[in-house]
């Protein structure tokens, strides 16, 4: 299976805006329709905001299930604080979807 590597260090050490998160999500969405596994590499990234994580990752749940995303993506070199931020936004989005 082919892989597609997305290195966030090429974007910046600190990722904080919804605008940037949406821009990356719009680039990722077509990749998720393909056969590749997307590798999100956070080497060199020190911080991501809740807003960025929500826009970039959690909003993918509007089109794919969490299980589909787990099959199509993986995270590497991800510091614990960044993992917690991403996990929190996924959980928050799942709760919001269940209330809708």
C-alpha atoms as a PDB file:
ATOM      1  CA  UNK A   1       0.000   0.000   0.000  1.00  0.00           C
ATOM      2  CA  UNK A   2       1.282   3.466  -0.860  1.00  0.00           C
ATOM      3  CA  UNK A   3       1.835   6.132   1.739  1.00  0.00           C
ATOM      4  CA  UNK A   4       1.626   9.908   1.627  1.00  0.00           C
ATOM      5  CA  UNK A   5       3.773  11.798   4.145  1.00  0.00           C
ATOM      6  CA  UNK A   6       2.561  15.163   5.444  1.00  0.00           C
ATOM      7  CA  UNK A   7       5.367  16.838   7.408  1.00  0.00           C
ATOM      8  CA  UNK A   8       3.937  19.582   9.574  1.00  0.00           C
ATOM      9  CA  UNK A   9       7.396  21.009  10.326  1.00  0.00           C
ATOM     10  CA  UNK A  10       7.343  22.336   6.750  1.00  0.00           C
ATOM     11  CA  UNK A  11       4.346  24.431   7.785  1.00  0.00           C
ATOM     12  CA  UNK A  12       5.668  25.646  11.126  1.00  0.00           C
ATOM     13  CA  UNK A  13       6.676  24.852  14.713  1.00  0.00           C
ATOM     14  CA  UNK A  14       3.457  26.331  16.052  1.00  0.00           C
ATOM     15  CA  UNK A  15       0.153  25.661  14.290  1.00  0.00           C
ATOM     16  CA  UNK A  16      -2.620  27.771  15.645  1.00  0.00           C
ATOM     17  CA  UNK A  17      -5.301  29.106  13.339  1.00  0.00           C
ATOM     18  CA  UNK A  18      -8.559  27.696  12.016  1.00  0.00           C
ATOM     19  CA  UNK A  19      -7.708  29.136   8.598  1.00  0.00           C
ATOM     20  CA  UNK A  20      -4.496  27.092   8.435  1.00  0.00           C
ATOM     21  CA  UNK A  21      -6.277  23.996   9.764  1.00  0.00           C
ATOM     22  CA  UNK A  22      -8.984  24.297   7.102  1.00  0.00           C
ATOM     23  CA  UNK A  23      -6.390  24.810   4.375  1.00  0.00           C
ATOM     24  CA  UNK A  24      -4.606  21.591   5.329  1.00  0.00           C
ATOM     25  CA  UNK A  25      -7.881  19.671   5.720  1.00  0.00           C
ATOM     26  CA  UNK A  26      -8.900  20.694   2.205  1.00  0.00           C
ATOM     27  CA  UNK A  27      -5.598  19.254   0.949  1.00  0.00           C
ATOM     28  CA  UNK A  28      -6.035  16.035   2.947  1.00  0.00           C
ATOM     29  CA  UNK A  29      -9.641  15.279   1.975  1.00  0.00           C
ATOM     30  CA  UNK A  30      -8.857  14.290  -1.643  1.00  0.00           C
ATOM     31  CA  UNK A  31      -6.010  12.095  -0.386  1.00  0.00           C
ATOM     32  CA  UNK A  32      -8.433  10.227   1.883  1.00  0.00           C
ATOM     33  CA  UNK A  33     -10.473   9.260  -1.177  1.00  0.00           C
ATOM     34  CA  UNK A  34      -7.461   7.464  -2.649  1.00  0.00           C
ATOM     35  CA  UNK A  35      -5.744   4.243  -1.691  1.00  0.00           C
ATOM     36  CA  UNK A  36      -2.812   5.808   0.163  1.00  0.00           C
ATOM     37  CA  UNK A  37      -2.250   5.794   3.888  1.00  0.00           C
ATOM     38  CA  UNK A  38      -1.620   9.352   5.072  1.00  0.00           C
ATOM     39  CA  UNK A  39       1.177   9.769   7.608  1.00  0.00           C
ATOM     40  CA  UNK A  40       0.875  12.920   9.706  1.00  0.00           C
ATOM     41  CA  UNK A  41       4.419  13.643  10.916  1.00  0.00           C
ATOM     42  CA  UNK A  42       4.736  16.126  13.778  1.00  0.00           C
ATOM     43  CA  UNK A  43       8.523  16.035  14.117  1.00  0.00           C
ATOM     44  CA  UNK A  44       9.711  19.561  14.900  1.00  0.00           C
ATOM     45  CA  UNK A  45       6.251  20.855  15.828  1.00  0.00           C
ATOM     46  CA  UNK A  46       6.013  22.164  19.380  1.00  0.00           C
ATOM     47  CA  UNK A  47       2.402  23.315  19.592  1.00  0.00           C
ATOM     48  CA  UNK A  48      -0.979  23.051  17.908  1.00  0.00           C
ATOM     49  CA  UNK A  49      -4.030  24.923  19.096  1.00  0.00           C
ATOM     50  CA  UNK A  50      -7.418  23.415  19.794  1.00  0.00           C
ATOM     51  CA  UNK A  51      -8.807  25.479  16.903  1.00  0.00           C
ATOM     52  CA  UNK A  52      -6.220  24.150  14.449  1.00  0.00           C
ATOM     53  CA  UNK A  53      -6.750  20.517  15.540  1.00  0.00           C
ATOM     54  CA  UNK A  54     -10.533  20.857  15.336  1.00  0.00           C
ATOM     55  CA  UNK A  55     -10.446  22.358  11.867  1.00  0.00           C
ATOM     56  CA  UNK A  56      -7.695  20.145  10.459  1.00  0.00           C
ATOM     57  CA  UNK A  57      -8.575  16.769  11.976  1.00  0.00           C
ATOM     58  CA  UNK A  58     -11.899  16.616  13.852  1.00  0.00           C
ATOM     59  CA  UNK A  59     -13.900  18.074  10.969  1.00  0.00           C
ATOM     60  CA  UNK A  60     -12.795  15.101   8.869  1.00  0.00           C
ATOM     61  CA  UNK A  61     -15.453  13.249  10.884  1.00  0.00           C
ATOM     62  CA  UNK A  62     -18.077  15.126   8.862  1.00  0.00           C
ATOM     63  CA  UNK A  63     -17.169  12.903   5.886  1.00  0.00           C
ATOM     64  CA  UNK A  64     -15.482   9.815   7.356  1.00  0.00           C
ATOM     65  CA  UNK A  65     -16.064   7.707  10.450  1.00  0.00           C
ATOM     66  CA  UNK A  66     -13.413   7.460  13.134  1.00  0.00           C
ATOM     67  CA  UNK A  67     -12.750   3.863  12.050  1.00  0.00           C
ATOM     68  CA  UNK A  68     -12.255   4.905   8.426  1.00  0.00           C
ATOM     69  CA  UNK A  69      -9.815   7.610   9.532  1.00  0.00           C
ATOM     70  CA  UNK A  70      -7.903   5.117  11.683  1.00  0.00           C
ATOM     71  CA  UNK A  71      -7.530   2.844   8.656  1.00  0.00           C
ATOM     72  CA  UNK A  72      -6.431   5.645   6.309  1.00  0.00           C
ATOM     73  CA  UNK A  73      -4.169   7.727   8.584  1.00  0.00           C
ATOM     74  CA  UNK A  74      -1.435   7.433  11.141  1.00  0.00           C
ATOM     75  CA  UNK A  75       0.390   9.917  13.354  1.00  0.00           C
ATOM     76  CA  UNK A  76       4.158   9.774  13.923  1.00  0.00           C
ATOM     77  CA  UNK A  77       6.621  11.790  15.993  1.00  0.00           C
ATOM     78  CA  UNK A  78       3.689  13.308  17.845  1.00  0.00           C
ATOM     79  CA  UNK A  79       4.479  14.811  21.261  1.00  0.00           C
ATOM     80  CA  UNK A  80       2.069  13.847  24.092  1.00  0.00           C
ATOM     81  CA  UNK A  81       0.621  17.368  24.357  1.00  0.00           C
ATOM     82  CA  UNK A  82      -0.234  17.402  20.642  1.00  0.00           C
ATOM     83  CA  UNK A  83      -1.736  13.882  20.873  1.00  0.00           C
ATOM     84  CA  UNK A  84      -3.960  15.052  23.727  1.00  0.00           C
ATOM     85  CA  UNK A  85      -5.120  18.109  21.787  1.00  0.00           C
ATOM     86  CA  UNK A  86      -6.013  16.067  18.703  1.00  0.00           C
ATOM     87  CA  UNK A  87      -7.724  13.338  20.751  1.00  0.00           C
ATOM     88  CA  UNK A  88      -9.741  15.932  22.664  1.00  0.00           C
ATOM     89  CA  UNK A  89     -11.023  17.557  19.466  1.00  0.00           C
ATOM     90  CA  UNK A  90     -12.011  14.160  18.024  1.00  0.00           C
ATOM     91  CA  UNK A  91     -13.900  13.271  21.215  1.00  0.00           C
ATOM     92  CA  UNK A  92     -15.545  16.683  21.318  1.00  0.00           C
ATOM     93  CA  UNK A  93     -16.655  16.380  17.688  1.00  0.00           C
ATOM     94  CA  UNK A  94     -18.055  12.849  18.235  1.00  0.00           C
ATOM     95  CA  UNK A  95     -20.078  14.114  21.215  1.00  0.00           C
ATOM     96  CA  UNK A  96     -21.417  17.036  19.148  1.00  0.00           C
ATOM     97  CA  UNK A  97     -22.408  14.673  16.307  1.00  0.00           C
ATOM     98  CA  UNK A  98     -24.244  12.369  18.726  1.00  0.00           C
ATOM     99  CA  UNK A  99     -26.309  15.319  20.001  1.00  0.00           C
ATOM    100  CA  UNK A 100     -27.282  16.487  16.504  1.00  0.00           C
END
